């Protein structure tokens, strides 16, 4: 990977130095729909990996919330219900 990346961290664009701590990273996390292929991997500086992971976790959390809202939306589309005093009530 290091040779394929020409010795550079794709996150910050800086070259790796001998003393740098590197971390293997999934470019797109599996939980966001990627496969665990070799082509989905990259080497990052450890601190760059920490930054990217924090951003990835936000995206994962947003996707989970979106998935939950979609499931609820589909549920309410399939049942009879009405609003009673700001509460959706199942009619049966």
PDB file of N, CA and C in Angstrom:
ATOM      1  N   UNK A   1       0.820  -1.196   0.000  1.00  0.00           N
ATOM      2  CA  UNK A   1       0.000   0.000   0.000  1.00  0.00           C
ATOM      3  C   UNK A   1       0.863   1.260   0.000  1.00  0.00           C
ATOM      4  N   UNK A   2       1.891   1.229   0.816  1.00  0.00           N
ATOM      5  CA  UNK A   2       2.766   2.401   0.936  1.00  0.00           C
ATOM      6  C   UNK A   2       3.372   2.768  -0.420  1.00  0.00           C
ATOM      7  N   UNK A   3       3.805   1.754  -1.145  1.00  0.00           N
ATOM      8  CA  UNK A   3       4.389   1.992  -2.464  1.00  0.00           C
ATOM      9  C   UNK A   3       3.317   2.494  -3.436  1.00  0.00           C
ATOM     10  N   UNK A   4       2.141   1.902  -3.381  1.00  0.00           N
ATOM     11  CA  UNK A   4       1.039   2.299  -4.259  1.00  0.00           C
ATOM     12  C   UNK A   4       0.638   3.764  -4.021  1.00  0.00           C
ATOM     13  N   UNK A   5       0.733   4.205  -2.772  1.00  0.00           N
ATOM     14  CA  UNK A   5       0.391   5.586  -2.412  1.00  0.00           C
ATOM     15  C   UNK A   5       1.574   6.538  -2.599  1.00  0.00           C
ATOM     16  N   UNK A   6       2.673   6.014  -3.123  1.00  0.00           N
ATOM     17  CA  UNK A   6       3.893   6.802  -3.359  1.00  0.00           C
ATOM     18  C   UNK A   6       4.403   7.473  -2.085  1.00  0.00           C
ATOM     19  N   UNK A   7       4.253   6.745  -0.958  1.00  0.00           N
ATOM     20  CA  UNK A   7       4.784   7.237   0.307  1.00  0.00           C
ATOM     21  C   UNK A   7       4.010   8.380   0.927  1.00  0.00           C
ATOM     22  N   UNK A   8       2.799   8.658   0.415  1.00  0.00           N
ATOM     23  CA  UNK A   8       2.026   9.805   0.914  1.00  0.00           C
ATOM     24  C   UNK A   8       0.751   9.362   1.623  1.00  0.00           C
ATOM     25  N   UNK A   9       0.373  10.142   2.601  1.00  0.00           N
ATOM     26  CA  UNK A   9      -0.899   9.962   3.299  1.00  0.00           C
ATOM     27  C   UNK A   9      -1.985  10.638   2.456  1.00  0.00           C
ATOM     28  N   UNK A  10      -2.997   9.903   2.015  1.00  0.00           N
ATOM     29  CA  UNK A  10      -4.037  10.517   1.191  1.00  0.00           C
ATOM     30  C   UNK A  10      -4.912  11.515   1.950  1.00  0.00           C
ATOM     31  N   UNK A  11      -4.893  11.459   3.265  1.00  0.00           N
ATOM     32  CA  UNK A  11      -5.723  12.379   4.055  1.00  0.00           C
ATOM     33  C   UNK A  11      -5.111  13.783   4.106  1.00  0.00           C
ATOM     34  N   UNK A  12      -3.837  13.861   4.455  1.00  0.00           N
ATOM     35  CA  UNK A  12      -3.197  15.177   4.611  1.00  0.00           C
ATOM     36  C   UNK A  12      -2.268  15.532   3.448  1.00  0.00           C
ATOM     37  N   UNK A  13      -1.906  14.535   2.640  1.00  0.00           N
ATOM     38  CA  UNK A  13      -1.037  14.783   1.498  1.00  0.00           C
ATOM     39  C   UNK A  13       0.446  14.833   1.825  1.00  0.00           C
ATOM     40  N   UNK A  14       0.806  14.639   3.086  1.00  0.00           N
ATOM     41  CA  UNK A  14       2.216  14.679   3.499  1.00  0.00           C
ATOM     42  C   UNK A  14       2.850  13.297   3.312  1.00  0.00           C
ATOM     43  N   UNK A  15       4.163  13.291   3.092  1.00  0.00           N
ATOM     44  CA  UNK A  15       4.897  12.034   2.986  1.00  0.00           C
ATOM     45  C   UNK A  15       5.049  11.409   4.374  1.00  0.00           C
ATOM     46  N   UNK A  16       5.052  10.080   4.389  1.00  0.00           N
ATOM     47  CA  UNK A  16       5.325   9.364   5.629  1.00  0.00           C
ATOM     48  C   UNK A  16       6.821   9.446   5.926  1.00  0.00           C
ATOM     49  N   UNK A  17       7.162   9.626   7.181  1.00  0.00           N
ATOM     50  CA  UNK A  17       8.551   9.607   7.634  1.00  0.00           C
ATOM     51  C   UNK A  17       8.785   8.316   8.396  1.00  0.00           C
ATOM     52  N   UNK A  18      10.040   7.959   8.580  1.00  0.00           N
ATOM     53  CA  UNK A  18      10.371   6.713   9.278  1.00  0.00           C
ATOM     54  C   UNK A  18       9.765   6.656  10.675  1.00  0.00           C
ATOM     55  N   UNK A  19       9.684   7.788  11.336  1.00  0.00           N
ATOM     56  CA  UNK A  19       9.195   7.805  12.725  1.00  0.00           C
ATOM     57  C   UNK A  19       7.666   7.886  12.822  1.00  0.00           C
ATOM     58  N   UNK A  20       6.973   8.081  11.697  1.00  0.00           N
ATOM     59  CA  UNK A  20       5.514   8.216  11.712  1.00  0.00           C
ATOM     60  C   UNK A  20       4.835   6.900  12.059  1.00  0.00           C
ATOM     61  N   UNK A  21       3.782   7.002  12.829  1.00  0.00           N
ATOM     62  CA  UNK A  21       2.934   5.848  13.118  1.00  0.00           C
ATOM     63  C   UNK A  21       1.829   5.846  12.065  1.00  0.00           C
ATOM     64  N   UNK A  22       1.667   4.699  11.401  1.00  0.00           N
ATOM     65  CA  UNK A  22       0.666   4.582  10.340  1.00  0.00           C
ATOM     66  C   UNK A  22      -0.468   3.676  10.796  1.00  0.00           C
ATOM     67  N   UNK A  23      -1.623   3.877  10.188  1.00  0.00           N
ATOM     68  CA  UNK A  23      -2.780   3.037  10.480  1.00  0.00           C
ATOM     69  C   UNK A  23      -3.440   2.651   9.164  1.00  0.00           C
ATOM     70  N   UNK A  24      -3.855   1.394   9.087  1.00  0.00           N
ATOM     71  CA  UNK A  24      -4.595   0.937   7.916  1.00  0.00           C
ATOM     72  C   UNK A  24      -6.044   1.384   8.070  1.00  0.00           C
ATOM     73  N   UNK A  25      -6.627   1.858   6.982  1.00  0.00           N
ATOM     74  CA  UNK A  25      -7.961   2.450   7.028  1.00  0.00           C
ATOM     75  C   UNK A  25      -8.809   1.920   5.885  1.00  0.00           C
ATOM     76  N   UNK A  26     -10.103   1.786   6.146  1.00  0.00           N
ATOM     77  CA  UNK A  26     -11.054   1.503   5.071  1.00  0.00           C
ATOM     78  C   UNK A  26     -11.474   2.844   4.488  1.00  0.00           C
ATOM     79  N   UNK A  27     -11.295   3.028   3.203  1.00  0.00           N
ATOM     80  CA  UNK A  27     -11.647   4.294   2.568  1.00  0.00           C
ATOM     81  C   UNK A  27     -13.124   4.590   2.811  1.00  0.00           C
ATOM     82  N   UNK A  28     -13.975   3.623   2.515  1.00  0.00           N
ATOM     83  CA  UNK A  28     -15.398   3.717   2.845  1.00  0.00           C
ATOM     84  C   UNK A  28     -15.697   2.603   3.837  1.00  0.00           C
ATOM     85  N   UNK A  29     -16.172   2.934   5.039  1.00  0.00           N
ATOM     86  CA  UNK A  29     -16.443   1.901   6.038  1.00  0.00           C
ATOM     87  C   UNK A  29     -17.487   0.888   5.558  1.00  0.00           C
ATOM     88  N   UNK A  30     -17.345  -0.350   6.004  1.00  0.00           N
ATOM     89  CA  UNK A  30     -18.318  -1.386   5.647  1.00  0.00           C
ATOM     90  C   UNK A  30     -19.716  -0.998   6.084  1.00  0.00           C
ATOM     91  N   UNK A  31     -19.829  -0.347   7.222  1.00  0.00           N
ATOM     92  CA  UNK A  31     -21.153   0.031   7.720  1.00  0.00           C
ATOM     93  C   UNK A  31     -21.817   1.100   6.858  1.00  0.00           C
ATOM     94  N   UNK A  32     -21.055   1.687   5.934  1.00  0.00           N
ATOM     95  CA  UNK A  32     -21.631   2.642   4.981  1.00  0.00           C
ATOM     96  C   UNK A  32     -21.781   2.012   3.596  1.00  0.00           C
ATOM     97  N   UNK A  33     -21.653   0.682   3.551  1.00  0.00           N
ATOM     98  CA  UNK A  33     -21.975  -0.028   2.321  1.00  0.00           C
ATOM     99  C   UNK A  33     -20.824  -0.546   1.485  1.00  0.00           C
ATOM    100  N   UNK A  34     -19.605  -0.365   1.917  1.00  0.00           N
ATOM    101  CA  UNK A  34     -18.491  -0.852   1.095  1.00  0.00           C
ATOM    102  C   UNK A  34     -18.220  -2.321   1.387  1.00  0.00           C
ATOM    103  N   UNK A  35     -17.497  -2.925   0.497  1.00  0.00           N
ATOM    104  CA  UNK A  35     -17.004  -4.279   0.713  1.00  0.00           C
ATOM    105  C   UNK A  35     -15.599  -4.163   1.297  1.00  0.00           C
ATOM    106  N   UNK A  36     -15.172  -5.214   1.928  1.00  0.00           N
ATOM    107  CA  UNK A  36     -13.854  -5.206   2.564  1.00  0.00           C
ATOM    108  C   UNK A  36     -12.783  -5.654   1.571  1.00  0.00           C
ATOM    109  N   UNK A  37     -12.694  -4.967   0.447  1.00  0.00           N
ATOM    110  CA  UNK A  37     -11.716  -5.295  -0.576  1.00  0.00           C
ATOM    111  C   UNK A  37     -10.402  -4.574  -0.322  1.00  0.00           C
ATOM    112  N   UNK A  38      -9.343  -5.127  -0.910  1.00  0.00           N
ATOM    113  CA  UNK A  38      -8.018  -4.509  -0.830  1.00  0.00           C
ATOM    114  C   UNK A  38      -8.062  -3.097  -1.403  1.00  0.00           C
ATOM    115  N   UNK A  39      -8.854  -2.902  -2.463  1.00  0.00           N
ATOM    116  CA  UNK A  39      -8.934  -1.590  -3.113  1.00  0.00           C
ATOM    117  C   UNK A  39      -9.642  -0.553  -2.239  1.00  0.00           C
ATOM    118  N   UNK A  40     -10.263  -1.005  -1.154  1.00  0.00           N
ATOM    119  CA  UNK A  40     -10.943  -0.094  -0.231  1.00  0.00           C
ATOM    120  C   UNK A  40     -10.057   0.227   0.978  1.00  0.00           C
ATOM    121  N   UNK A  41      -8.793  -0.072   0.882  1.00  0.00           N
ATOM    122  CA  UNK A  41      -7.877   0.159   2.006  1.00  0.00           C
ATOM    123  C   UNK A  41      -6.822   1.193   1.644  1.00  0.00           C
ATOM    124  N   UNK A  42      -6.372   1.894   2.679  1.00  0.00           N
ATOM    125  CA  UNK A  42      -5.313   2.888   2.505  1.00  0.00           C
ATOM    126  C   UNK A  42      -4.538   3.011   3.810  1.00  0.00           C
ATOM    127  N   UNK A  43      -3.328   3.537   3.712  1.00  0.00           N
ATOM    128  CA  UNK A  43      -2.529   3.841   4.895  1.00  0.00           C
ATOM    129  C   UNK A  43      -2.637   5.329   5.181  1.00  0.00           C
ATOM    130  N   UNK A  44      -2.865   5.651   6.445  1.00  0.00           N
ATOM    131  CA  UNK A  44      -2.928   7.040   6.890  1.00  0.00           C
ATOM    132  C   UNK A  44      -1.988   7.220   8.066  1.00  0.00           C
ATOM    133  N   UNK A  45      -1.546   8.454   8.302  1.00  0.00           N
ATOM    134  CA  UNK A  45      -0.894   8.751   9.582  1.00  0.00           C
ATOM    135  C   UNK A  45      -1.903   8.407  10.678  1.00  0.00           C
ATOM    136  N   UNK A  46      -1.410   7.990  11.818  1.00  0.00           N
ATOM    137  CA  UNK A  46      -2.319   7.620  12.911  1.00  0.00           C
ATOM    138  C   UNK A  46      -3.237   8.794  13.279  1.00  0.00           C
ATOM    139  N   UNK A  47      -2.703   9.996  13.374  1.00  0.00           N
ATOM    140  CA  UNK A  47      -3.539  11.142  13.741  1.00  0.00           C
ATOM    141  C   UNK A  47      -4.526  11.484  12.623  1.00  0.00           C
ATOM    142  N   UNK A  48      -4.148  11.249  11.373  1.00  0.00           N
ATOM    143  CA  UNK A  48      -5.087  11.458  10.256  1.00  0.00           C
ATOM    144  C   UNK A  48      -6.201  10.411  10.315  1.00  0.00           C
ATOM    145  N   UNK A  49      -5.818   9.184  10.661  1.00  0.00           N
ATOM    146  CA  UNK A  49      -6.810   8.116  10.811  1.00  0.00           C
ATOM    147  C   UNK A  49      -7.812   8.471  11.906  1.00  0.00           C
ATOM    148  N   UNK A  50      -7.331   9.028  13.004  1.00  0.00           N
ATOM    149  CA  UNK A  50      -8.230   9.432  14.092  1.00  0.00           C
ATOM    150  C   UNK A  50      -9.226  10.488  13.620  1.00  0.00           C
ATOM    151  N   UNK A  51      -8.754  11.470  12.851  1.00  0.00           N
ATOM    152  CA  UNK A  51      -9.648  12.509  12.314  1.00  0.00           C
ATOM    153  C   UNK A  51     -10.683  11.905  11.377  1.00  0.00           C
ATOM    154  N   UNK A  52     -10.227  11.060  10.462  1.00  0.00           N
ATOM    155  CA  UNK A  52     -11.132  10.455   9.486  1.00  0.00           C
ATOM    156  C   UNK A  52     -12.152   9.568  10.183  1.00  0.00           C
ATOM    157  N   UNK A  53     -11.711   8.816  11.184  1.00  0.00           N
ATOM    158  CA  UNK A  53     -12.620   7.943  11.918  1.00  0.00           C
ATOM    159  C   UNK A  53     -13.712   8.750  12.609  1.00  0.00           C
ATOM    160  N   UNK A  54     -13.365   9.883  13.183  1.00  0.00           N
ATOM    161  CA  UNK A  54     -14.371  10.737  13.830  1.00  0.00           C
ATOM    162  C   UNK A  54     -15.424  11.184  12.815  1.00  0.00           C
ATOM    163  N   UNK A  55     -14.996  11.548  11.625  1.00  0.00           N
ATOM    164  CA  UNK A  55     -15.935  11.960  10.571  1.00  0.00           C
ATOM    165  C   UNK A  55     -16.762  10.767  10.101  1.00  0.00           C
ATOM    166  N   UNK A  56     -16.112   9.613   9.930  1.00  0.00           N
ATOM    167  CA  UNK A  56     -16.832   8.402   9.522  1.00  0.00           C
ATOM    168  C   UNK A  56     -17.909   8.038  10.538  1.00  0.00           C
ATOM    169  N   UNK A  57     -17.603   8.168  11.825  1.00  0.00           N
ATOM    170  CA  UNK A  57     -18.581   7.829  12.861  1.00  0.00           C
ATOM    171  C   UNK A  57     -19.801   8.743  12.802  1.00  0.00           C
ATOM    172  N   UNK A  58     -19.600   9.996  12.476  1.00  0.00           N
ATOM    173  CA  UNK A  58     -20.733  10.921  12.307  1.00  0.00           C
ATOM    174  C   UNK A  58     -21.596  10.455  11.134  1.00  0.00           C
ATOM    175  N   UNK A  59     -20.964  10.094  10.024  1.00  0.00           N
ATOM    176  CA  UNK A  59     -21.707   9.619   8.852  1.00  0.00           C
ATOM    177  C   UNK A  59     -22.462   8.329   9.160  1.00  0.00           C
ATOM    178  N   UNK A  60     -21.837   7.436   9.920  1.00  0.00           N
ATOM    179  CA  UNK A  60     -22.479   6.175  10.294  1.00  0.00           C
ATOM    180  C   UNK A  60     -23.695   6.445  11.166  1.00  0.00           C
ATOM    181  N   UNK A  61     -23.548   7.344  12.129  1.00  0.00           N
ATOM    182  CA  UNK A  61     -24.667   7.692  13.009  1.00  0.00           C
ATOM    183  C   UNK A  61     -25.811   8.312  12.200  1.00  0.00           C
ATOM    184  N   UNK A  62     -25.484   9.196  11.262  1.00  0.00           N
ATOM    185  CA  UNK A  62     -26.509   9.815  10.412  1.00  0.00           C
ATOM    186  C   UNK A  62     -27.225   8.765   9.569  1.00  0.00           C
ATOM    187  N   UNK A  63     -26.483   7.789   9.052  1.00  0.00           N
ATOM    188  CA  UNK A  63     -27.092   6.731   8.247  1.00  0.00           C
ATOM    189  C   UNK A  63     -28.023   5.883   9.099  1.00  0.00           C
ATOM    190  N   UNK A  64     -27.606   5.546  10.313  1.00  0.00           N
ATOM    191  CA  UNK A  64     -28.463   4.751  11.198  1.00  0.00           C
ATOM    192  C   UNK A  64     -29.750   5.496  11.513  1.00  0.00           C
ATOM    193  N   UNK A  65     -29.652   6.787  11.796  1.00  0.00           N
ATOM    194  CA  UNK A  65     -30.857   7.581  12.069  1.00  0.00           C
ATOM    195  C   UNK A  65     -31.760   7.617  10.845  1.00  0.00           C
ATOM    196  N   UNK A  66     -31.177   7.786   9.680  1.00  0.00           N
ATOM    197  CA  UNK A  66     -31.943   7.814   8.438  1.00  0.00           C
ATOM    198  C   UNK A  66     -32.641   6.476   8.206  1.00  0.00           C
ATOM    199  N   UNK A  67     -31.940   5.376   8.456  1.00  0.00           N
ATOM    200  CA  UNK A  67     -32.531   4.047   8.291  1.00  0.00           C
ATOM    201  C   UNK A  67     -33.715   3.855   9.230  1.00  0.00           C
ATOM    202  N   UNK A  68     -33.584   4.307  10.470  1.00  0.00           N
ATOM    203  CA  UNK A  68     -34.679   4.188  11.439  1.00  0.00           C
ATOM    204  C   UNK A  68     -35.879   5.007  10.981  1.00  0.00           C
ATOM    205  N   UNK A  69     -35.642   6.231  10.542  1.00  0.00           N
ATOM    206  CA  UNK A  69     -36.742   7.080  10.069  1.00  0.00           C
ATOM    207  C   UNK A  69     -37.417   6.483   8.841  1.00  0.00           C
ATOM    208  N   UNK A  70     -36.650   5.879   7.949  1.00  0.00           N
ATOM    209  CA  UNK A  70     -37.241   5.225   6.776  1.00  0.00           C
ATOM    210  C   UNK A  70     -38.119   4.052   7.180  1.00  0.00           C
ATOM    211  N   UNK A  71     -37.672   3.250   8.144  1.00  0.00           N
ATOM    212  CA  UNK A  71     -38.479   2.126   8.620  1.00  0.00           C
ATOM    213  C   UNK A  71     -39.777   2.619   9.239  1.00  0.00           C
ATOM    214  N   UNK A  72     -39.692   3.659  10.051  1.00  0.00           N
ATOM    215  CA  UNK A  72     -40.904   4.223  10.651  1.00  0.00           C
ATOM    216  C   UNK A  72     -41.837   4.777   9.584  1.00  0.00           C
ATOM    217  N   UNK A  73     -41.273   5.438   8.608  1.00  0.00           N
ATOM    218  CA  UNK A  73     -42.070   6.006   7.526  1.00  0.00           C
ATOM    219  C   UNK A  73     -42.820   4.911   6.775  1.00  0.00           C
ATOM    220  N   UNK A  74     -42.130   3.813   6.458  1.00  0.00           N
ATOM    221  CA  UNK A  74     -42.783   2.699   5.766  1.00  0.00           C
ATOM    222  C   UNK A  74     -43.867   2.078   6.643  1.00  0.00           C
ATOM    223  N   UNK A  75     -43.616   1.971   7.931  1.00  0.00           N
ATOM    224  CA  UNK A  75     -44.614   1.419   8.848  1.00  0.00           C
ATOM    225  C   UNK A  75     -45.884   2.258   8.813  1.00  0.00           C
ATOM    226  N   UNK A  76     -45.736   3.575   8.953  1.00  0.00           N
ATOM    227  CA  UNK A  76     -46.910   4.449   9.003  1.00  0.00           C
ATOM    228  C   UNK A  76     -47.628   4.524   7.658  1.00  0.00           C
ATOM    229  N   UNK A  77     -46.948   4.250   6.562  1.00  0.00           N
ATOM    230  CA  UNK A  77     -47.598   4.219   5.252  1.00  0.00           C
ATOM    231  C   UNK A  77     -48.483   2.995   5.096  1.00  0.00           C
ATOM    232  N   UNK A  78     -48.178   1.917   5.823  1.00  0.00           N
ATOM    233  CA  UNK A  78     -48.888   0.654   5.661  1.00  0.00           C
ATOM    234  C   UNK A  78     -50.031   0.457   6.645  1.00  0.00           C
ATOM    235  N   UNK A  79     -50.179   1.297   7.611  1.00  0.00           N
ATOM    236  CA  UNK A  79     -51.249   1.120   8.604  1.00  0.00           C
ATOM    237  C   UNK A  79     -52.194   2.317   8.571  1.00  0.00           C
ATOM    238  N   UNK A  80     -53.407   2.073   9.066  1.00  0.00           N
ATOM    239  CA  UNK A  80     -54.357   3.178   9.191  1.00  0.00           C
ATOM    240  C   UNK A  80     -54.125   3.865  10.527  1.00  0.00           C
ATOM    241  N   UNK A  81     -54.012   5.183  10.474  1.00  0.00           N
ATOM    242  CA  UNK A  81     -53.762   5.945  11.684  1.00  0.00           C
ATOM    243  C   UNK A  81     -54.317   7.339  11.501  1.00  0.00           C
ATOM    244  N   UNK A  82     -54.442   8.030  12.611  1.00  0.00           N
ATOM    245  CA  UNK A  82     -54.872   9.427  12.575  1.00  0.00           C
ATOM    246  C   UNK A  82     -54.187  10.184  13.704  1.00  0.00           C
ATOM    247  N   UNK A  83     -54.091  11.501  13.526  1.00  0.00           N
ATOM    248  CA  UNK A  83     -53.508  12.344  14.565  1.00  0.00           C
ATOM    249  C   UNK A  83     -54.582  12.671  15.593  1.00  0.00           C
ATOM    250  N   UNK A  84     -54.300  12.387  16.849  1.00  0.00           N
ATOM    251  CA  UNK A  84     -55.186  12.778  17.942  1.00  0.00           C
ATOM    252  C   UNK A  84     -54.329  13.508  18.959  1.00  0.00           C
ATOM    253  N   UNK A  85     -54.587  14.787  19.125  1.00  0.00           N
ATOM    254  CA  UNK A  85     -53.844  15.631  20.062  1.00  0.00           C
ATOM    255  C   UNK A  85     -52.327  15.478  19.894  1.00  0.00           C
ATOM    256  N   UNK A  86     -51.876  15.650  18.672  1.00  0.00           N
ATOM    257  CA  UNK A  86     -50.448  15.585  18.326  1.00  0.00           C
ATOM    258  C   UNK A  86     -49.803  14.221  18.541  1.00  0.00           C
ATOM    259  N   UNK A  87     -50.621  13.176  18.557  1.00  0.00           N
ATOM    260  CA  UNK A  87     -50.095  11.821  18.713  1.00  0.00           C
ATOM    261  C   UNK A  87     -50.647  10.966  17.575  1.00  0.00           C
ATOM    262  N   UNK A  88     -49.781  10.269  16.825  1.00  0.00           N
ATOM    263  CA  UNK A  88     -50.305   9.363  15.799  1.00  0.00           C
ATOM    264  C   UNK A  88     -50.905   8.131  16.479  1.00  0.00           C
ATOM    265  N   UNK A  89     -52.173   7.863  16.175  1.00  0.00           N
ATOM    266  CA  UNK A  89     -52.892   6.766  16.833  1.00  0.00           C
ATOM    267  C   UNK A  89     -53.268   5.725  15.785  1.00  0.00           C
ATOM    268  N   UNK A  90     -52.932   4.488  16.064  1.00  0.00           N
ATOM    269  CA  UNK A  90     -53.236   3.362  15.192  1.00  0.00           C
ATOM    270  C   UNK A  90     -54.730   3.080  15.246  1.00  0.00           C
ATOM    271  N   UNK A  91     -55.372   2.952  14.073  1.00  0.00           N
ATOM    272  CA  UNK A  91     -56.819   2.744  14.018  1.00  0.00           C
ATOM    273  C   UNK A  91     -57.199   1.274  13.954  1.00  0.00           C
ATOM    274  N   UNK A  92     -56.278   0.408  13.612  1.00  0.00           N
ATOM    275  CA  UNK A  92     -56.560  -1.015  13.600  1.00  0.00           C
ATOM    276  C   UNK A  92     -56.991  -1.579  12.353  1.00  0.00           C
TER     277      UNK A  92
END
